[in-house]
Amino acid sequence: MVEKRYHISSAVVSVLPHAAEAVRAQVETIAGVEVHACEKGKIIITIEGDSTRALGDTLSRIALFDHVVSANMVFEHAQELQENPT
């Protein structure tokens, strides 16, 4: 039996301050990503997915957006998903 896992990470995306709102809007379109704060060129996000690789791929994608200076994962948590008994 293959165990499914749930992964969530937090990250800080540093952007050029003049483009923060535009980058925020772009980040908000990505499935599994939620923006929690955007201030002074920093965007605080969480990313949800089914693997560490999925989280990393999403963060790497964000890092390539125009006006992004850096995108760094701060914390990651993973846990086994519980199946509902039938």
Protein backbone atom coordinates (compact mmCIF):
# COMPACT_ATOMS: atom_id res chain seq x y z
CA MET A 1 0.00 0.00 0.00
CA VAL A 2 1.38 3.40 -1.01
CA GLU A 3 1.04 6.04 1.69
CA LYS A 4 0.03 9.48 0.47
CA ARG A 5 1.65 12.48 2.09
CA TYR A 6 0.58 16.08 2.47
CA HIS A 7 3.35 18.70 2.26
CA ILE A 8 3.19 22.38 3.14
CA SER A 9 5.96 24.95 3.22
CA SER A 10 6.32 28.62 3.93
CA ALA A 11 8.52 30.84 1.82
CA VAL A 12 9.67 34.43 1.49
CA VAL A 13 9.76 35.91 -2.00
CA SER A 14 11.86 39.07 -2.28
CA VAL A 15 10.86 41.35 -5.13
CA LEU A 16 11.71 44.77 -6.45
CA PRO A 17 9.45 47.02 -4.35
CA HIS A 18 7.90 48.83 -7.32
CA ALA A 19 6.67 45.50 -8.72
CA ALA A 20 5.46 43.86 -5.50
CA GLU A 21 1.74 44.06 -6.24
CA ALA A 22 2.16 42.78 -9.80
CA VAL A 23 4.24 39.81 -8.61
CA ARG A 24 1.74 39.16 -5.81
CA ALA A 25 -1.08 39.01 -8.35
CA GLN A 26 0.92 36.57 -10.48
CA VAL A 27 1.76 34.36 -7.48
CA GLU A 28 -1.90 34.25 -6.42
CA THR A 29 -2.82 32.54 -9.70
CA ILE A 30 -0.77 29.42 -8.89
CA ALA A 31 -2.74 26.45 -7.56
CA GLY A 32 -1.68 25.43 -4.06
CA VAL A 33 -0.11 28.81 -3.24
CA GLU A 34 -1.54 31.30 -0.77
CA VAL A 35 -0.21 34.81 -0.13
CA HIS A 36 -0.26 35.80 3.55
CA ALA A 37 1.50 39.18 3.43
CA CYS A 38 3.06 41.60 0.99
CA GLU A 39 5.07 44.50 2.34
CA LYS A 40 8.29 46.37 1.54
CA GLY A 41 9.32 44.06 -1.28
CA LYS A 42 8.68 40.82 0.64
CA ILE A 43 5.86 38.40 -0.12
CA ILE A 44 5.12 35.70 2.47
CA ILE A 45 3.50 32.59 1.01
CA THR A 46 2.59 29.01 1.79
CA ILE A 47 2.77 26.26 -0.81
CA GLU A 48 0.84 22.99 -0.56
CA GLY A 49 1.49 19.83 -2.55
CA ASP A 50 1.97 16.09 -2.53
CA SER A 51 5.79 16.03 -2.40
CA THR A 52 8.85 18.04 -1.53
CA ARG A 53 9.66 18.07 -5.24
CA ALA A 54 6.28 19.66 -6.06
CA LEU A 55 6.90 22.41 -3.50
CA GLY A 56 10.40 23.02 -4.83
CA ASP A 57 9.19 23.11 -8.42
CA THR A 58 6.56 25.71 -7.53
CA LEU A 59 9.07 27.84 -5.65
CA SER A 60 11.55 27.58 -8.53
CA ARG A 61 8.83 28.70 -10.93
CA ILE A 62 8.12 31.75 -8.76
CA ALA A 63 11.85 32.56 -8.56
CA LEU A 64 11.90 32.94 -12.35
CA PHE A 65 9.15 35.60 -12.44
CA ASP A 66 10.19 39.05 -13.61
CA HIS A 67 11.18 41.37 -10.74
CA VAL A 68 11.77 38.51 -8.27
CA VAL A 69 15.15 38.85 -6.56
CA SER A 70 14.96 35.58 -4.57
CA ALA A 71 12.51 32.95 -3.38
CA ASN A 72 13.50 30.99 -0.29
CA MET A 73 11.74 28.18 1.53
CA VAL A 74 11.62 28.84 5.27
CA PHE A 75 9.88 25.76 6.66
CA GLU A 76 8.39 22.51 5.40
CA HIS A 77 6.08 20.04 7.09
CA ALA A 78 4.91 16.66 5.75
CA GLN A 79 2.52 14.13 7.17
CA GLU A 80 0.81 10.92 6.13
CA LEU A 81 -2.75 11.35 4.90
CA GLN A 82 -5.25 9.28 6.83
CA GLU A 83 -7.64 7.23 4.77
CA ASN A 84 -11.29 7.33 5.81
CA PRO A 85 -12.53 3.92 6.97
CA THR A 86 -15.50 2.68 4.97
